[in-house]
């Protein structure tokens, strides 16, 4: 099975000037890729059903948000008044939930690193790196939304920066 065609369609759309997809959408997708690599490392190394189910559930949740974030963003750009505020809050909530999920996985998975088989550690580390990148991206996305929509700076920008002190190099 080849995913190249469908993924390429997404990448072409992402690159367009007036695309509905942007940073939030890309962050959700990158998060899902990272989760899949971590799941693979877990399955290959040891069967931790609880963590595997957590990764699957998070991947399912955030994969659906790849499209949702873009729809909300485009709608927020066009909306006025209370409707716009409502849509912006939904966008912010996606990014905040994404950042919190990244942090929780990164902290939890630090403890299992010694149990990951050497032959799969590169996938494990790449998965963690995706999540670190997503956490950084959440900060940038929240800052950009503050500027674009002229809204109050989210307190989660500083919270995620504090999170990152221990886990992002």
C-alpha atoms as a PDB file:
ATOM      1  CA  UNK A   1       0.000   0.000   0.000  1.00  0.00           C
ATOM      2  CA  UNK A   2       1.289   3.463  -0.857  1.00  0.00           C
ATOM      3  CA  UNK A   3       0.395   6.587   1.105  1.00  0.00           C
ATOM      4  CA  UNK A   4       2.509   8.839  -1.098  1.00  0.00           C
ATOM      5  CA  UNK A   5      -0.390  10.134  -3.210  1.00  0.00           C
ATOM      6  CA  UNK A   6      -2.665  11.111  -0.321  1.00  0.00           C
ATOM      7  CA  UNK A   7       0.144  12.552   1.743  1.00  0.00           C
ATOM      8  CA  UNK A   8       1.421  14.470  -1.274  1.00  0.00           C
ATOM      9  CA  UNK A   9      -2.059  15.992  -1.752  1.00  0.00           C
ATOM     10  CA  UNK A  10      -1.913  17.235   1.838  1.00  0.00           C
ATOM     11  CA  UNK A  11       1.602  18.654   1.367  1.00  0.00           C
ATOM     12  CA  UNK A  12       0.625  20.456  -1.833  1.00  0.00           C
ATOM     13  CA  UNK A  13      -2.426  21.950  -0.111  1.00  0.00           C
ATOM     14  CA  UNK A  14      -0.357  22.903   2.960  1.00  0.00           C
ATOM     15  CA  UNK A  15       2.067  24.863   0.746  1.00  0.00           C
ATOM     16  CA  UNK A  16      -0.631  26.938  -0.969  1.00  0.00           C
ATOM     17  CA  UNK A  17      -0.953  30.622  -0.141  1.00  0.00           C
ATOM     18  CA  UNK A  18      -4.663  30.391   0.686  1.00  0.00           C
ATOM     19  CA  UNK A  19      -4.649  26.904   2.160  1.00  0.00           C
ATOM     20  CA  UNK A  20      -6.910  26.128   5.069  1.00  0.00           C
ATOM     21  CA  UNK A  21      -4.059  24.046   6.461  1.00  0.00           C
ATOM     22  CA  UNK A  22      -1.294  25.666   8.456  1.00  0.00           C
ATOM     23  CA  UNK A  23       0.837  25.257  11.521  1.00  0.00           C
ATOM     24  CA  UNK A  24      -1.865  23.812  13.770  1.00  0.00           C
ATOM     25  CA  UNK A  25      -2.769  21.159  11.242  1.00  0.00           C
ATOM     26  CA  UNK A  26       0.885  20.279  10.648  1.00  0.00           C
ATOM     27  CA  UNK A  27       1.484  20.047  14.405  1.00  0.00           C
ATOM     28  CA  UNK A  28      -1.397  17.598  14.808  1.00  0.00           C
ATOM     29  CA  UNK A  29      -0.012  15.447  11.997  1.00  0.00           C
ATOM     30  CA  UNK A  30       3.559  15.565  13.345  1.00  0.00           C
ATOM     31  CA  UNK A  31       2.232  14.569  16.779  1.00  0.00           C
ATOM     32  CA  UNK A  32       0.497  11.542  15.263  1.00  0.00           C
ATOM     33  CA  UNK A  33       3.680  10.491  13.451  1.00  0.00           C
ATOM     34  CA  UNK A  34       5.637  10.758  16.694  1.00  0.00           C
ATOM     35  CA  UNK A  35       3.031   8.706  18.552  1.00  0.00           C
ATOM     36  CA  UNK A  36       3.160   5.980  15.895  1.00  0.00           C
ATOM     37  CA  UNK A  37       6.933   5.699  16.212  1.00  0.00           C
ATOM     38  CA  UNK A  38       6.675   5.479  19.999  1.00  0.00           C
ATOM     39  CA  UNK A  39       3.975   2.832  19.716  1.00  0.00           C
ATOM     40  CA  UNK A  40       6.157   0.823  17.351  1.00  0.00           C
ATOM     41  CA  UNK A  41       9.066   1.023  19.804  1.00  0.00           C
ATOM     42  CA  UNK A  42       6.809  -0.151  22.642  1.00  0.00           C
ATOM     43  CA  UNK A  43       5.357  -3.052  20.678  1.00  0.00           C
ATOM     44  CA  UNK A  44       8.796  -4.177  19.567  1.00  0.00           C
ATOM     45  CA  UNK A  45      10.365  -3.850  23.026  1.00  0.00           C
ATOM     46  CA  UNK A  46       7.653  -4.868  25.474  1.00  0.00           C
ATOM     47  CA  UNK A  47       3.886  -5.018  25.469  1.00  0.00           C
ATOM     48  CA  UNK A  48       2.718  -2.152  27.640  1.00  0.00           C
ATOM     49  CA  UNK A  49      -0.995  -2.264  26.837  1.00  0.00           C
ATOM     50  CA  UNK A  50      -1.845   0.814  28.900  1.00  0.00           C
ATOM     51  CA  UNK A  51       0.674   3.055  27.125  1.00  0.00           C
ATOM     52  CA  UNK A  52      -0.078   1.542  23.721  1.00  0.00           C
ATOM     53  CA  UNK A  53      -3.801   2.241  24.167  1.00  0.00           C
ATOM     54  CA  UNK A  54      -3.041   5.789  25.295  1.00  0.00           C
ATOM     55  CA  UNK A  55      -0.957   6.409  22.169  1.00  0.00           C
ATOM     56  CA  UNK A  56      -3.640   4.933  19.909  1.00  0.00           C
ATOM     57  CA  UNK A  57      -6.376   7.034  21.507  1.00  0.00           C
ATOM     58  CA  UNK A  58      -4.348  10.230  21.280  1.00  0.00           C
ATOM     59  CA  UNK A  59      -3.443   9.504  17.664  1.00  0.00           C
ATOM     60  CA  UNK A  60      -7.098   8.956  16.775  1.00  0.00           C
ATOM     61  CA  UNK A  61      -8.129  12.178  18.523  1.00  0.00           C
ATOM     62  CA  UNK A  62      -5.460  14.400  16.991  1.00  0.00           C
ATOM     63  CA  UNK A  63      -5.568  12.875  13.516  1.00  0.00           C
ATOM     64  CA  UNK A  64      -9.170  14.061  13.260  1.00  0.00           C
ATOM     65  CA  UNK A  65      -7.962  17.525  14.242  1.00  0.00           C
ATOM     66  CA  UNK A  66      -5.583  17.764  11.253  1.00  0.00           C
ATOM     67  CA  UNK A  67      -8.585  18.824   9.162  1.00  0.00           C
ATOM     68  CA  UNK A  68     -10.603  20.409  11.966  1.00  0.00           C
ATOM     69  CA  UNK A  69      -7.918  22.950  12.879  1.00  0.00           C
ATOM     70  CA  UNK A  70      -7.804  24.215   9.309  1.00  0.00           C
ATOM     71  CA  UNK A  71     -11.570  24.522   9.042  1.00  0.00           C
ATOM     72  CA  UNK A  72     -11.744  26.443  12.305  1.00  0.00           C
ATOM     73  CA  UNK A  73      -8.903  28.759  11.295  1.00  0.00           C
ATOM     74  CA  UNK A  74     -10.477  29.658   7.956  1.00  0.00           C
ATOM     75  CA  UNK A  75     -13.851  30.192   9.621  1.00  0.00           C
ATOM     76  CA  UNK A  76     -12.287  32.394  12.321  1.00  0.00           C
ATOM     77  CA  UNK A  77     -10.631  34.590   9.711  1.00  0.00           C
ATOM     78  CA  UNK A  78     -14.037  35.239   8.110  1.00  0.00           C
ATOM     79  CA  UNK A  79     -16.117  35.480  11.294  1.00  0.00           C
ATOM     80  CA  UNK A  80     -16.913  38.585  13.334  1.00  0.00           C
ATOM     81  CA  UNK A  81     -17.774  39.315  16.938  1.00  0.00           C
ATOM     82  CA  UNK A  82     -18.753  36.558  19.325  1.00  0.00           C
ATOM     83  CA  UNK A  83     -18.604  33.890  16.619  1.00  0.00           C
ATOM     84  CA  UNK A  84     -14.978  34.766  15.913  1.00  0.00           C
ATOM     85  CA  UNK A  85     -14.079  34.638  19.600  1.00  0.00           C
ATOM     86  CA  UNK A  86     -15.787  31.256  19.907  1.00  0.00           C
ATOM     87  CA  UNK A  87     -13.808  29.860  16.943  1.00  0.00           C
ATOM     88  CA  UNK A  88     -10.506  31.297  18.170  1.00  0.00           C
ATOM     89  CA  UNK A  89     -11.078  29.685  21.559  1.00  0.00           C
ATOM     90  CA  UNK A  90     -11.655  26.324  19.859  1.00  0.00           C
ATOM     91  CA  UNK A  91      -8.415  26.707  17.895  1.00  0.00           C
ATOM     92  CA  UNK A  92      -6.503  27.653  21.028  1.00  0.00           C
ATOM     93  CA  UNK A  93      -7.979  24.689  22.881  1.00  0.00           C
ATOM     94  CA  UNK A  94      -6.696  22.284  20.210  1.00  0.00           C
ATOM     95  CA  UNK A  95      -3.173  23.680  20.487  1.00  0.00           C
ATOM     96  CA  UNK A  96      -3.249  23.743  24.281  1.00  0.00           C
ATOM     97  CA  UNK A  97      -4.479  20.134  24.466  1.00  0.00           C
ATOM     98  CA  UNK A  98      -1.804  19.163  21.965  1.00  0.00           C
ATOM     99  CA  UNK A  99       0.944  20.811  24.023  1.00  0.00           C
ATOM    100  CA  UNK A 100      -0.241  19.256  27.278  1.00  0.00           C
ATOM    101  CA  UNK A 101      -0.455  15.828  25.617  1.00  0.00           C
ATOM    102  CA  UNK A 102       3.087  16.218  24.239  1.00  0.00           C
ATOM    103  CA  UNK A 103       4.439  17.139  27.627  1.00  0.00           C
ATOM    104  CA  UNK A 104       2.718  14.259  29.400  1.00  0.00           C
ATOM    105  CA  UNK A 105       4.001  11.701  26.886  1.00  0.00           C
ATOM    106  CA  UNK A 106       7.536  13.122  26.938  1.00  0.00           C
ATOM    107  CA  UNK A 107       7.708  12.997  30.734  1.00  0.00           C
ATOM    108  CA  UNK A 108       6.185   9.515  30.947  1.00  0.00           C
ATOM    109  CA  UNK A 109       8.358   8.051  28.211  1.00  0.00           C
ATOM    110  CA  UNK A 110      11.613   9.295  29.772  1.00  0.00           C
ATOM    111  CA  UNK A 111      11.203   6.551  32.350  1.00  0.00           C
ATOM    112  CA  UNK A 112      10.848   3.724  29.844  1.00  0.00           C
ATOM    113  CA  UNK A 113      13.842   4.569  27.672  1.00  0.00           C
ATOM    114  CA  UNK A 114      16.064   1.919  29.335  1.00  0.00           C
ATOM    115  CA  UNK A 115      13.487  -0.731  28.424  1.00  0.00           C
ATOM    116  CA  UNK A 116      13.490   0.049  24.707  1.00  0.00           C
ATOM    117  CA  UNK A 117      15.495  -2.465  22.681  1.00  0.00           C
ATOM    118  CA  UNK A 118      18.632  -1.057  21.088  1.00  0.00           C
ATOM    119  CA  UNK A 119      17.524  -2.171  17.637  1.00  0.00           C
ATOM    120  CA  UNK A 120      14.449   0.110  17.799  1.00  0.00           C
ATOM    121  CA  UNK A 121      15.844   3.023  19.845  1.00  0.00           C
ATOM    122  CA  UNK A 122      16.280   5.209  16.773  1.00  0.00           C
ATOM    123  CA  UNK A 123      12.518   5.060  16.118  1.00  0.00           C
ATOM    124  CA  UNK A 124      11.896   5.762  19.801  1.00  0.00           C
ATOM    125  CA  UNK A 125      14.159   8.832  19.761  1.00  0.00           C
ATOM    126  CA  UNK A 126      12.718  10.102  16.486  1.00  0.00           C
ATOM    127  CA  UNK A 127       9.225   9.759  17.990  1.00  0.00           C
ATOM    128  CA  UNK A 128      10.310  11.767  21.030  1.00  0.00           C
ATOM    129  CA  UNK A 129      11.925  14.373  18.767  1.00  0.00           C
ATOM    130  CA  UNK A 130       8.655  14.779  16.869  1.00  0.00           C
ATOM    131  CA  UNK A 131       6.883  15.467  20.157  1.00  0.00           C
ATOM    132  CA  UNK A 132       9.546  17.973  21.246  1.00  0.00           C
ATOM    133  CA  UNK A 133       9.149  19.745  17.912  1.00  0.00           C
ATOM    134  CA  UNK A 134       5.363  19.785  18.333  1.00  0.00           C
ATOM    135  CA  UNK A 135       5.663  21.292  21.818  1.00  0.00           C
ATOM    136  CA  UNK A 136       7.895  24.051  20.418  1.00  0.00           C
ATOM    137  CA  UNK A 137       5.398  24.513  17.596  1.00  0.00           C
ATOM    138  CA  UNK A 138       2.529  24.877  20.056  1.00  0.00           C
ATOM    139  CA  UNK A 139       4.324  27.842  21.613  1.00  0.00           C
ATOM    140  CA  UNK A 140       4.869  29.434  18.210  1.00  0.00           C
ATOM    141  CA  UNK A 141       1.288  28.737  17.117  1.00  0.00           C
ATOM    142  CA  UNK A 142      -0.195  30.305  20.252  1.00  0.00           C
ATOM    143  CA  UNK A 143       2.034  33.356  19.802  1.00  0.00           C
ATOM    144  CA  UNK A 144       1.037  33.660  16.137  1.00  0.00           C
ATOM    145  CA  UNK A 145      -2.670  33.379  16.955  1.00  0.00           C
ATOM    146  CA  UNK A 146      -2.285  36.159  19.535  1.00  0.00           C
ATOM    147  CA  UNK A 147      -0.833  38.387  16.819  1.00  0.00           C
ATOM    148  CA  UNK A 148      -3.167  37.374  13.985  1.00  0.00           C
ATOM    149  CA  UNK A 149      -6.380  37.659  15.970  1.00  0.00           C
ATOM    150  CA  UNK A 150      -5.252  40.463  18.300  1.00  0.00           C
ATOM    151  CA  UNK A 151      -6.131  38.433  21.373  1.00  0.00           C
ATOM    152  CA  UNK A 152      -4.614  38.302  24.825  1.00  0.00           C
ATOM    153  CA  UNK A 153      -1.374  36.304  24.962  1.00  0.00           C
ATOM    154  CA  UNK A 154      -2.144  32.787  26.179  1.00  0.00           C
ATOM    155  CA  UNK A 155      -0.755  31.842  29.582  1.00  0.00           C
ATOM    156  CA  UNK A 156       0.108  28.487  28.017  1.00  0.00           C
ATOM    157  CA  UNK A 157       2.946  30.076  26.063  1.00  0.00           C
ATOM    158  CA  UNK A 158       4.889  30.502  29.299  1.00  0.00           C
ATOM    159  CA  UNK A 159       3.665  27.198  30.711  1.00  0.00           C
ATOM    160  CA  UNK A 160       4.905  25.330  27.622  1.00  0.00           C
ATOM    161  CA  UNK A 161       8.196  27.226  27.734  1.00  0.00           C
ATOM    162  CA  UNK A 162       8.603  26.074  31.340  1.00  0.00           C
ATOM    163  CA  UNK A 163       7.739  22.509  30.305  1.00  0.00           C
ATOM    164  CA  UNK A 164      10.356  22.684  27.615  1.00  0.00           C
ATOM    165  CA  UNK A 165      13.209  23.645  29.932  1.00  0.00           C
ATOM    166  CA  UNK A 166      13.587  20.040  31.029  1.00  0.00           C
ATOM    167  CA  UNK A 167      12.767  18.218  27.824  1.00  0.00           C
ATOM    168  CA  UNK A 168      13.605  20.338  24.787  1.00  0.00           C
ATOM    169  CA  UNK A 169      17.213  20.782  23.783  1.00  0.00           C
END
